[in-house]
N, C-alpha and C. Protein backbone atom coordinates (compact mmCIF):
# COMPACT_ATOMS: atom_id res chain seq x y z
N MET A 1 0.83 -1.20 0.00
CA MET A 1 0.00 0.00 0.00
C MET A 1 0.87 1.25 0.00
N LYS A 2 1.98 1.26 0.74
CA LYS A 2 2.86 2.42 0.83
C LYS A 2 3.33 2.84 -0.56
N GLU A 3 3.73 1.84 -1.39
CA GLU A 3 4.23 2.19 -2.72
C GLU A 3 3.15 2.83 -3.57
N SER A 4 1.91 2.35 -3.47
CA SER A 4 0.85 2.93 -4.29
C SER A 4 0.52 4.35 -3.82
N ILE A 5 0.56 4.60 -2.52
CA ILE A 5 0.32 5.96 -2.02
C ILE A 5 1.42 6.89 -2.54
N ASP A 6 2.67 6.43 -2.48
CA ASP A 6 3.77 7.25 -2.99
C ASP A 6 3.57 7.56 -4.48
N TYR A 7 3.08 6.58 -5.22
CA TYR A 7 2.80 6.77 -6.65
C TYR A 7 1.77 7.89 -6.83
N TYR A 8 0.69 7.83 -6.07
CA TYR A 8 -0.36 8.84 -6.20
C TYR A 8 0.09 10.21 -5.70
N ILE A 9 0.95 10.22 -4.70
CA ILE A 9 1.50 11.50 -4.23
C ILE A 9 2.31 12.15 -5.36
N ARG A 10 3.12 11.33 -6.02
CA ARG A 10 3.92 11.86 -7.15
C ARG A 10 3.00 12.37 -8.27
N LYS A 11 1.92 11.66 -8.50
CA LYS A 11 0.96 12.11 -9.52
C LYS A 11 0.34 13.45 -9.11
N CYS A 12 0.05 13.61 -7.82
CA CYS A 12 -0.50 14.88 -7.32
C CYS A 12 0.49 16.01 -7.53
N ILE A 13 1.76 15.73 -7.29
CA ILE A 13 2.80 16.75 -7.49
C ILE A 13 2.82 17.22 -8.94
N GLU A 14 2.48 16.30 -9.85
CA GLU A 14 2.41 16.63 -11.29
C GLU A 14 1.05 17.24 -11.66
N ASN A 15 0.22 17.53 -10.66
CA ASN A 15 -1.14 18.06 -10.87
C ASN A 15 -2.03 17.12 -11.66
N ASP A 16 -1.81 15.83 -11.52
CA ASP A 16 -2.61 14.82 -12.18
C ASP A 16 -3.93 14.65 -11.42
N ARG A 17 -5.06 14.89 -12.09
CA ARG A 17 -6.38 14.82 -11.45
C ARG A 17 -6.69 13.41 -10.94
N GLY A 18 -6.25 12.40 -11.67
CA GLY A 18 -6.48 11.02 -11.23
C GLY A 18 -5.78 10.71 -9.92
N GLY A 19 -4.55 11.20 -9.79
CA GLY A 19 -3.80 11.03 -8.55
C GLY A 19 -4.45 11.76 -7.40
N GLN A 20 -4.92 12.97 -7.67
CA GLN A 20 -5.61 13.75 -6.64
C GLN A 20 -6.90 13.06 -6.20
N GLN A 21 -7.62 12.53 -7.18
CA GLN A 21 -8.87 11.85 -6.85
C GLN A 21 -8.62 10.62 -5.98
N ARG A 22 -7.55 9.89 -6.28
CA ARG A 22 -7.25 8.68 -5.51
C ARG A 22 -6.84 9.03 -4.07
N ILE A 23 -6.00 10.05 -3.91
CA ILE A 23 -5.61 10.50 -2.57
C ILE A 23 -6.85 10.96 -1.81
N TYR A 24 -7.72 11.68 -2.49
CA TYR A 24 -8.96 12.14 -1.87
C TYR A 24 -9.80 10.95 -1.41
N GLN A 25 -9.97 9.96 -2.28
CA GLN A 25 -10.78 8.78 -1.94
C GLN A 25 -10.19 8.02 -0.74
N LEU A 26 -8.88 7.92 -0.68
CA LEU A 26 -8.23 7.17 0.39
C LEU A 26 -8.33 7.86 1.75
N PHE A 27 -8.24 9.17 1.76
CA PHE A 27 -8.11 9.88 3.03
C PHE A 27 -9.31 10.75 3.42
N ALA A 28 -10.25 10.97 2.51
CA ALA A 28 -11.39 11.85 2.79
C ALA A 28 -12.20 11.42 4.02
N PRO A 29 -12.52 10.14 4.18
CA PRO A 29 -13.35 9.78 5.35
C PRO A 29 -12.72 10.17 6.69
N VAL A 30 -11.44 9.88 6.84
CA VAL A 30 -10.75 10.20 8.10
C VAL A 30 -10.65 11.71 8.29
N LEU A 31 -10.31 12.42 7.23
CA LEU A 31 -10.10 13.86 7.33
C LEU A 31 -11.41 14.62 7.51
N TYR A 32 -12.47 14.13 6.89
CA TYR A 32 -13.77 14.76 7.09
C TYR A 32 -14.24 14.54 8.54
N GLY A 33 -14.01 13.34 9.04
CA GLY A 33 -14.33 13.06 10.45
C GLY A 33 -13.58 14.00 11.38
N LEU A 34 -12.33 14.27 11.06
CA LEU A 34 -11.52 15.21 11.84
C LEU A 34 -12.17 16.60 11.83
N CYS A 35 -12.60 17.04 10.65
CA CYS A 35 -13.24 18.36 10.55
C CYS A 35 -14.54 18.41 11.35
N LEU A 36 -15.30 17.33 11.33
CA LEU A 36 -16.56 17.29 12.09
C LEU A 36 -16.30 17.41 13.59
N LYS A 37 -15.19 16.86 14.05
CA LYS A 37 -14.87 16.93 15.48
C LYS A 37 -14.61 18.37 15.93
N TYR A 38 -14.06 19.17 15.05
CA TYR A 38 -13.64 20.51 15.43
C TYR A 38 -14.68 21.59 15.15
N MET A 39 -15.49 21.40 14.14
CA MET A 39 -16.42 22.45 13.74
C MET A 39 -17.79 22.22 14.36
N LYS A 40 -18.56 23.28 14.48
CA LYS A 40 -19.86 23.23 15.13
C LYS A 40 -20.92 22.51 14.31
N ASN A 41 -20.79 22.56 12.99
CA ASN A 41 -21.82 21.95 12.14
C ASN A 41 -21.20 21.41 10.86
N GLU A 42 -22.00 20.66 10.11
CA GLU A 42 -21.51 20.01 8.89
C GLU A 42 -21.11 21.03 7.83
N GLU A 43 -21.84 22.11 7.72
CA GLU A 43 -21.53 23.12 6.71
C GLU A 43 -20.13 23.70 6.94
N ASP A 44 -19.83 24.08 8.17
CA ASP A 44 -18.50 24.60 8.49
C ASP A 44 -17.43 23.53 8.29
N ALA A 45 -17.75 22.30 8.67
CA ALA A 45 -16.79 21.19 8.50
C ALA A 45 -16.48 20.98 7.02
N LYS A 46 -17.51 21.03 6.18
CA LYS A 46 -17.31 20.85 4.74
C LYS A 46 -16.44 21.97 4.15
N ASP A 47 -16.68 23.19 4.61
CA ASP A 47 -15.89 24.32 4.12
C ASP A 47 -14.41 24.15 4.44
N VAL A 48 -14.12 23.84 5.69
CA VAL A 48 -12.73 23.66 6.11
C VAL A 48 -12.12 22.45 5.39
N PHE A 49 -12.89 21.39 5.29
CA PHE A 49 -12.43 20.17 4.61
C PHE A 49 -11.98 20.49 3.19
N GLN A 50 -12.82 21.21 2.47
CA GLN A 50 -12.49 21.56 1.08
C GLN A 50 -11.25 22.47 1.01
N GLU A 51 -11.23 23.49 1.85
CA GLU A 51 -10.10 24.42 1.86
C GLU A 51 -8.79 23.71 2.22
N ALA A 52 -8.85 22.81 3.18
CA ALA A 52 -7.64 22.11 3.62
C ALA A 52 -7.14 21.15 2.53
N PHE A 53 -8.05 20.51 1.81
CA PHE A 53 -7.61 19.63 0.71
C PHE A 53 -6.93 20.44 -0.38
N VAL A 54 -7.45 21.62 -0.67
CA VAL A 54 -6.82 22.49 -1.68
C VAL A 54 -5.40 22.83 -1.23
N ILE A 55 -5.25 23.19 0.03
CA ILE A 55 -3.92 23.50 0.57
C ILE A 55 -3.01 22.28 0.48
N ALA A 56 -3.53 21.12 0.85
CA ALA A 56 -2.73 19.89 0.80
C ALA A 56 -2.23 19.62 -0.61
N PHE A 57 -3.10 19.76 -1.59
CA PHE A 57 -2.68 19.53 -2.98
C PHE A 57 -1.67 20.58 -3.44
N GLN A 58 -1.83 21.81 -2.99
CA GLN A 58 -0.87 22.87 -3.34
C GLN A 58 0.50 22.63 -2.72
N LYS A 59 0.51 22.01 -1.53
CA LYS A 59 1.76 21.80 -0.80
C LYS A 59 2.31 20.38 -0.97
N MET A 60 1.71 19.60 -1.81
CA MET A 60 2.09 18.19 -1.96
C MET A 60 3.59 18.04 -2.28
N ASN A 61 4.13 18.99 -3.00
CA ASN A 61 5.57 18.92 -3.34
C ASN A 61 6.47 19.11 -2.11
N GLN A 62 5.89 19.52 -0.99
CA GLN A 62 6.67 19.69 0.24
C GLN A 62 6.75 18.40 1.06
N TYR A 63 5.92 17.40 0.71
CA TYR A 63 5.98 16.12 1.42
C TYR A 63 7.29 15.44 1.06
N ARG A 64 8.01 14.97 2.06
CA ARG A 64 9.37 14.43 1.87
C ARG A 64 9.41 12.91 1.78
N PHE A 65 8.26 12.25 1.74
CA PHE A 65 8.19 10.79 1.68
C PHE A 65 8.87 10.15 2.88
N GLU A 66 8.78 10.84 4.00
CA GLU A 66 9.30 10.33 5.27
C GLU A 66 8.16 10.35 6.26
N GLY A 67 8.04 9.34 7.06
CA GLY A 67 6.98 9.30 8.06
C GLY A 67 5.63 9.05 7.41
N SER A 68 4.60 9.25 8.19
CA SER A 68 3.24 8.95 7.77
C SER A 68 2.68 10.06 6.88
N PHE A 69 2.24 9.70 5.70
CA PHE A 69 1.58 10.67 4.82
C PHE A 69 0.26 11.12 5.44
N GLU A 70 -0.47 10.19 6.04
CA GLU A 70 -1.73 10.54 6.70
C GLU A 70 -1.48 11.55 7.81
N GLY A 71 -0.41 11.36 8.58
CA GLY A 71 -0.05 12.31 9.63
C GLY A 71 0.26 13.68 9.05
N TRP A 72 0.96 13.69 7.93
CA TRP A 72 1.30 14.94 7.24
C TRP A 72 0.01 15.67 6.81
N LEU A 73 -0.93 14.91 6.23
CA LEU A 73 -2.21 15.48 5.82
C LEU A 73 -2.98 16.01 7.03
N LYS A 74 -3.02 15.22 8.10
CA LYS A 74 -3.75 15.63 9.31
C LYS A 74 -3.20 16.94 9.85
N ARG A 75 -1.89 17.11 9.82
CA ARG A 75 -1.29 18.33 10.32
C ARG A 75 -1.78 19.53 9.51
N ILE A 76 -1.89 19.40 8.20
CA ILE A 76 -2.41 20.48 7.35
C ILE A 76 -3.86 20.79 7.75
N PHE A 77 -4.64 19.74 7.93
CA PHE A 77 -6.05 19.93 8.30
C PHE A 77 -6.18 20.57 9.68
N ILE A 78 -5.41 20.12 10.63
CA ILE A 78 -5.49 20.68 11.97
C ILE A 78 -5.07 22.15 11.95
N ASN A 79 -4.02 22.46 11.21
CA ASN A 79 -3.59 23.86 11.11
C ASN A 79 -4.70 24.72 10.49
N LYS A 80 -5.38 24.20 9.48
CA LYS A 80 -6.47 24.94 8.85
C LYS A 80 -7.64 25.10 9.82
N LEU A 81 -7.94 24.05 10.57
CA LEU A 81 -9.01 24.12 11.57
C LEU A 81 -8.68 25.17 12.63
N ILE A 82 -7.45 25.15 13.13
CA ILE A 82 -7.04 26.13 14.14
C ILE A 82 -7.11 27.54 13.56
N GLU A 83 -6.62 27.71 12.34
CA GLU A 83 -6.67 29.03 11.70
C GLU A 83 -8.11 29.52 11.57
N THR A 84 -9.00 28.64 11.15
CA THR A 84 -10.41 29.01 10.98
C THR A 84 -11.03 29.40 12.31
N LEU A 85 -10.76 28.60 13.34
CA LEU A 85 -11.33 28.91 14.66
C LEU A 85 -10.69 30.15 15.27
N ASN A 86 -9.41 30.37 14.99
CA ASN A 86 -8.76 31.59 15.50
C ASN A 86 -9.35 32.85 14.87
N LYS A 87 -9.80 32.74 13.61
CA LYS A 87 -10.43 33.88 12.96
C LYS A 87 -11.71 34.26 13.69
N ARG A 88 -12.35 33.27 14.27
CA ARG A 88 -13.59 33.51 15.02
C ARG A 88 -13.28 33.92 16.46
N LYS A 89 -12.03 33.80 16.84
CA LYS A 89 -11.63 34.02 18.24
C LYS A 89 -11.99 35.41 18.74
N ARG A 90 -11.97 36.38 17.85
CA ARG A 90 -12.27 37.75 18.30
C ARG A 90 -13.70 37.85 18.84
N ASP A 91 -14.55 36.92 18.42
CA ASP A 91 -15.92 36.90 18.93
C ASP A 91 -16.05 36.06 20.20
N VAL A 92 -15.05 35.24 20.45
CA VAL A 92 -15.10 34.33 21.59
C VAL A 92 -13.87 34.55 22.45
N LEU A 93 -14.06 34.84 23.69
CA LEU A 93 -12.94 35.08 24.59
C LEU A 93 -12.58 33.80 25.32
N PHE A 94 -11.30 33.49 25.39
CA PHE A 94 -10.84 32.37 26.19
C PHE A 94 -10.82 32.79 27.65
N ALA A 95 -11.29 31.95 28.51
CA ALA A 95 -11.25 32.25 29.95
C ALA A 95 -9.80 32.15 30.40
N GLU A 96 -9.34 33.11 31.16
CA GLU A 96 -7.92 33.16 31.52
C GLU A 96 -7.59 32.56 32.87
N GLU A 97 -8.58 32.19 33.66
CA GLU A 97 -8.27 31.66 34.98
C GLU A 97 -8.93 30.31 35.18
N ILE A 98 -8.34 29.51 36.04
CA ILE A 98 -8.95 28.25 36.42
C ILE A 98 -9.67 28.49 37.73
N TYR A 99 -10.96 28.23 37.74
CA TYR A 99 -11.75 28.39 38.95
C TYR A 99 -11.92 27.03 39.59
N GLN A 100 -12.00 27.01 40.88
CA GLN A 100 -12.09 25.75 41.62
C GLN A 100 -13.25 24.89 41.15
N ASP A 101 -14.40 25.53 40.86
CA ASP A 101 -15.57 24.74 40.47
C ASP A 101 -15.48 24.22 39.03
N ASP A 102 -14.43 24.64 38.29
CA ASP A 102 -14.23 24.12 36.94
C ASP A 102 -13.51 22.78 36.95
N ILE A 103 -12.84 22.46 38.05
CA ILE A 103 -12.05 21.23 38.12
C ILE A 103 -13.00 20.06 38.37
N LEU A 104 -12.91 19.07 37.51
CA LEU A 104 -13.75 17.88 37.67
C LEU A 104 -13.06 16.86 38.54
N ASP A 105 -13.84 15.94 39.07
CA ASP A 105 -13.23 14.78 39.71
C ASP A 105 -12.44 14.05 38.63
N GLU A 106 -11.55 13.21 39.03
CA GLU A 106 -10.71 12.49 38.06
C GLU A 106 -11.48 11.41 37.30
N GLU A 107 -12.78 11.29 37.58
CA GLU A 107 -13.58 10.31 36.84
C GLU A 107 -13.62 10.70 35.38
N GLU A 108 -13.42 9.71 34.53
CA GLU A 108 -13.50 9.98 33.10
C GLU A 108 -14.97 10.03 32.68
N ILE A 109 -15.22 10.70 31.61
CA ILE A 109 -16.56 10.79 31.06
C ILE A 109 -16.93 9.42 30.50
N ASP A 110 -18.13 8.95 30.79
CA ASP A 110 -18.59 7.66 30.30
C ASP A 110 -19.11 7.82 28.88
N THR A 111 -18.21 7.68 27.91
CA THR A 111 -18.58 7.87 26.51
C THR A 111 -19.03 6.57 25.86
N PHE A 112 -18.88 5.45 26.55
CA PHE A 112 -19.24 4.16 25.96
C PHE A 112 -20.73 3.88 26.02
N SER A 113 -21.45 4.63 26.84
CA SER A 113 -22.87 4.34 27.03
C SER A 113 -23.76 5.09 26.03
N ILE A 114 -23.18 5.89 25.16
CA ILE A 114 -23.99 6.57 24.15
C ILE A 114 -23.39 6.29 22.78
N PRO A 115 -24.22 6.31 21.74
CA PRO A 115 -23.71 6.07 20.38
C PRO A 115 -22.69 7.13 19.98
N GLN A 116 -21.76 6.73 19.14
CA GLN A 116 -20.67 7.63 18.73
C GLN A 116 -21.21 8.90 18.07
N GLU A 117 -22.26 8.77 17.25
CA GLU A 117 -22.79 9.97 16.58
C GLU A 117 -23.39 10.96 17.58
N LYS A 118 -23.96 10.45 18.67
CA LYS A 118 -24.50 11.34 19.72
C LYS A 118 -23.35 12.04 20.45
N LEU A 119 -22.27 11.29 20.71
CA LEU A 119 -21.10 11.89 21.34
C LEU A 119 -20.53 13.00 20.46
N LEU A 120 -20.46 12.74 19.16
CA LEU A 120 -19.96 13.75 18.22
C LEU A 120 -20.85 15.00 18.26
N GLU A 121 -22.16 14.80 18.31
CA GLU A 121 -23.08 15.94 18.42
C GLU A 121 -22.81 16.74 19.69
N CYS A 122 -22.58 16.03 20.79
CA CYS A 122 -22.28 16.72 22.06
C CYS A 122 -21.00 17.53 21.95
N ILE A 123 -19.99 16.95 21.33
CA ILE A 123 -18.72 17.66 21.15
C ILE A 123 -18.93 18.88 20.27
N GLN A 124 -19.71 18.73 19.19
CA GLN A 124 -19.95 19.85 18.28
C GLN A 124 -20.70 20.99 18.95
N GLN A 125 -21.47 20.68 19.98
CA GLN A 125 -22.24 21.71 20.68
C GLN A 125 -21.40 22.52 21.68
N LEU A 126 -20.20 22.07 21.95
CA LEU A 126 -19.34 22.81 22.87
C LEU A 126 -18.98 24.16 22.27
N PRO A 127 -18.78 25.18 23.09
CA PRO A 127 -18.28 26.45 22.56
C PRO A 127 -16.94 26.22 21.84
N ASP A 128 -16.67 27.03 20.84
CA ASP A 128 -15.48 26.84 19.99
C ASP A 128 -14.20 26.61 20.78
N GLN A 129 -13.94 27.49 21.76
CA GLN A 129 -12.66 27.40 22.47
C GLN A 129 -12.56 26.10 23.27
N TYR A 130 -13.66 25.64 23.84
CA TYR A 130 -13.64 24.39 24.62
C TYR A 130 -13.46 23.19 23.68
N ARG A 131 -14.22 23.21 22.58
CA ARG A 131 -14.16 22.10 21.61
C ARG A 131 -12.76 21.98 21.02
N LEU A 132 -12.15 23.09 20.71
CA LEU A 132 -10.83 23.09 20.10
C LEU A 132 -9.79 22.48 21.05
N VAL A 133 -9.77 22.96 22.29
CA VAL A 133 -8.81 22.43 23.27
C VAL A 133 -9.10 20.95 23.56
N PHE A 134 -10.37 20.60 23.71
CA PHE A 134 -10.76 19.21 23.97
C PHE A 134 -10.25 18.29 22.85
N ASN A 135 -10.50 18.66 21.61
CA ASN A 135 -10.07 17.84 20.48
C ASN A 135 -8.56 17.73 20.36
N LEU A 136 -7.87 18.84 20.54
CA LEU A 136 -6.41 18.81 20.46
C LEU A 136 -5.83 17.92 21.56
N TYR A 137 -6.40 17.99 22.74
CA TYR A 137 -5.89 17.23 23.87
C TYR A 137 -6.20 15.73 23.73
N TYR A 138 -7.46 15.41 23.48
CA TYR A 138 -7.86 14.00 23.46
C TYR A 138 -7.62 13.30 22.13
N PHE A 139 -7.91 13.95 21.02
CA PHE A 139 -7.81 13.28 19.73
C PHE A 139 -6.45 13.43 19.08
N GLU A 140 -5.80 14.56 19.30
CA GLU A 140 -4.48 14.78 18.70
C GLU A 140 -3.36 14.52 19.69
N LYS A 141 -3.71 14.21 20.94
CA LYS A 141 -2.75 13.86 21.99
C LYS A 141 -1.71 14.95 22.23
N MET A 142 -2.13 16.20 22.08
CA MET A 142 -1.23 17.31 22.34
C MET A 142 -1.21 17.61 23.84
N LYS A 143 -0.09 18.08 24.33
CA LYS A 143 0.05 18.51 25.73
C LYS A 143 -0.43 19.96 25.84
N HIS A 144 -0.74 20.37 27.05
CA HIS A 144 -1.23 21.74 27.25
C HIS A 144 -0.23 22.79 26.77
N LYS A 145 1.04 22.50 26.93
CA LYS A 145 2.06 23.45 26.47
C LYS A 145 1.98 23.62 24.94
N GLU A 146 1.79 22.51 24.22
CA GLU A 146 1.67 22.56 22.75
C GLU A 146 0.39 23.28 22.34
N ILE A 147 -0.69 22.99 23.04
CA ILE A 147 -1.97 23.63 22.73
C ILE A 147 -1.86 25.14 22.95
N ALA A 148 -1.27 25.51 24.07
CA ALA A 148 -1.10 26.93 24.40
C ALA A 148 -0.31 27.64 23.31
N LEU A 149 0.74 27.01 22.85
CA LEU A 149 1.58 27.59 21.80
C LEU A 149 0.80 27.70 20.48
N ALA A 150 0.09 26.64 20.12
CA ALA A 150 -0.66 26.63 18.86
C ALA A 150 -1.78 27.66 18.85
N LEU A 151 -2.41 27.88 19.99
CA LEU A 151 -3.57 28.77 20.07
C LEU A 151 -3.24 30.15 20.61
N ASN A 152 -1.97 30.35 20.98
CA ASN A 152 -1.54 31.63 21.53
C ASN A 152 -2.32 31.98 22.80
N ILE A 153 -2.42 31.00 23.70
CA ILE A 153 -3.06 31.18 25.00
C ILE A 153 -2.12 30.64 26.06
N SER A 154 -2.44 30.85 27.32
CA SER A 154 -1.59 30.33 28.39
C SER A 154 -1.92 28.86 28.64
N GLU A 155 -1.00 28.14 29.28
CA GLU A 155 -1.26 26.75 29.64
C GLU A 155 -2.44 26.66 30.59
N GLY A 156 -2.55 27.61 31.50
CA GLY A 156 -3.67 27.63 32.44
C GLY A 156 -5.00 27.77 31.71
N THR A 157 -5.02 28.58 30.67
CA THR A 157 -6.24 28.74 29.88
C THR A 157 -6.58 27.44 29.17
N SER A 158 -5.57 26.77 28.65
CA SER A 158 -5.78 25.47 28.01
C SER A 158 -6.39 24.48 29.00
N LYS A 159 -5.81 24.40 30.18
CA LYS A 159 -6.31 23.48 31.21
C LYS A 159 -7.74 23.84 31.62
N SER A 160 -7.99 25.12 31.80
CA SER A 160 -9.31 25.58 32.21
C SER A 160 -10.35 25.24 31.13
N ASN A 161 -10.01 25.50 29.87
CA ASN A 161 -10.95 25.21 28.78
C ASN A 161 -11.20 23.71 28.64
N LEU A 162 -10.17 22.90 28.89
CA LEU A 162 -10.35 21.45 28.84
C LEU A 162 -11.30 21.00 29.95
N ASN A 163 -11.10 21.52 31.15
CA ASN A 163 -11.97 21.16 32.27
C ASN A 163 -13.41 21.60 32.02
N ARG A 164 -13.58 22.76 31.46
CA ARG A 164 -14.94 23.24 31.18
C ARG A 164 -15.58 22.40 30.07
N ALA A 165 -14.78 22.01 29.08
CA ALA A 165 -15.31 21.14 28.02
C ALA A 165 -15.76 19.81 28.59
N LYS A 166 -14.92 19.23 29.45
CA LYS A 166 -15.27 17.95 30.07
C LYS A 166 -16.52 18.08 30.93
N SER A 167 -16.63 19.16 31.66
CA SER A 167 -17.80 19.39 32.51
C SER A 167 -19.06 19.52 31.66
N ASN A 168 -18.98 20.31 30.59
CA ASN A 168 -20.13 20.47 29.69
C ASN A 168 -20.52 19.14 29.06
N LEU A 169 -19.52 18.38 28.60
CA LEU A 169 -19.79 17.08 27.99
C LEU A 169 -20.44 16.13 28.98
N GLN A 170 -19.91 16.14 30.19
CA GLN A 170 -20.45 15.27 31.22
C GLN A 170 -21.93 15.57 31.47
N LYS A 171 -22.27 16.84 31.53
CA LYS A 171 -23.66 17.24 31.73
C LYS A 171 -24.54 16.79 30.56
N LYS A 172 -24.03 16.95 29.34
CA LYS A 172 -24.79 16.55 28.16
C LYS A 172 -24.99 15.03 28.13
N ILE A 173 -23.96 14.28 28.49
CA ILE A 173 -24.05 12.82 28.49
C ILE A 173 -25.02 12.34 29.56
N VAL A 174 -24.96 12.94 30.73
CA VAL A 174 -25.89 12.59 31.81
C VAL A 174 -27.33 12.86 31.36
N ALA A 175 -27.54 13.99 30.69
CA ALA A 175 -28.88 14.32 30.20
C ALA A 175 -29.34 13.31 29.15
N LEU A 176 -28.45 12.93 28.25
CA LEU A 176 -28.78 11.92 27.24
C LEU A 176 -29.12 10.58 27.87
N MET A 177 -28.33 10.20 28.88
CA MET A 177 -28.56 8.93 29.57
C MET A 177 -29.90 8.95 30.30
N ALA A 178 -30.26 10.09 30.87
CA ALA A 178 -31.55 10.22 31.57
C ALA A 178 -32.70 10.05 30.57
N LEU A 179 -32.56 10.63 29.38
CA LEU A 179 -33.59 10.49 28.35
C LEU A 179 -33.68 9.04 27.88
N LYS A 180 -32.55 8.41 27.74
CA LYS A 180 -32.48 7.02 27.28
C LYS A 180 -33.16 6.08 28.27
N ASN A 181 -33.02 6.38 29.55
CA ASN A 181 -33.56 5.51 30.59
C ASN A 181 -35.04 5.76 30.89
N GLU A 182 -35.60 6.78 30.28
CA GLU A 182 -37.03 7.08 30.53
C GLU A 182 -37.92 6.13 29.79
C-alpha cells in the first residue's frame, strides 16, 4: 500500500487529477471526520475540509516521503481548523483563569454508554474554544504546552478550557442517559 500511495503522491505533485482523486478517496473519510470533530456543524466542517484539501494539494511537493503521509495530511487539516477557529476568536474570549468549580473529579466521562454519533453531536455543541482544546488534547494527543503555543493562549487557559469542556460534555451525556432511561 505504501508504494501505491507514494505513486499517487507523485501524480498529485504533477497536478494529475487522477492522482488527486485517488488521494482524496483514500483519506477523505478520516479527514472529514476530523473536521466534524472541530467544527460546530456540517456546513463549516465541509468548508474547512475543502479548503484544507486544496492547501494539501498545493503543498504536496513539500511532502518528503518520510513518516506517515496521513499524519502529514492531518497536520495540514489541523492547522487549517485552528486558523479558521482563530479567525472567530475575536468573537469568543478564552477564559484566563482556572476556577475551583471548573475542576472535575478524576472520573472519566462515560462515553461508551452513548452512540458515537451522539457523542460527536455533544462535542460539536461545545463552545469553539472548549471544543478546540478538547479535540487537540484528546484526539491529537497534544500537551497543554503545545496547545497553548498553537492557540496563543496560556497553559492555564488550556487546562481551564479542557476542564470546562469535560464538565459540559459530562452534563450533556448525563442528560442523554436520563432520556435514554425514561
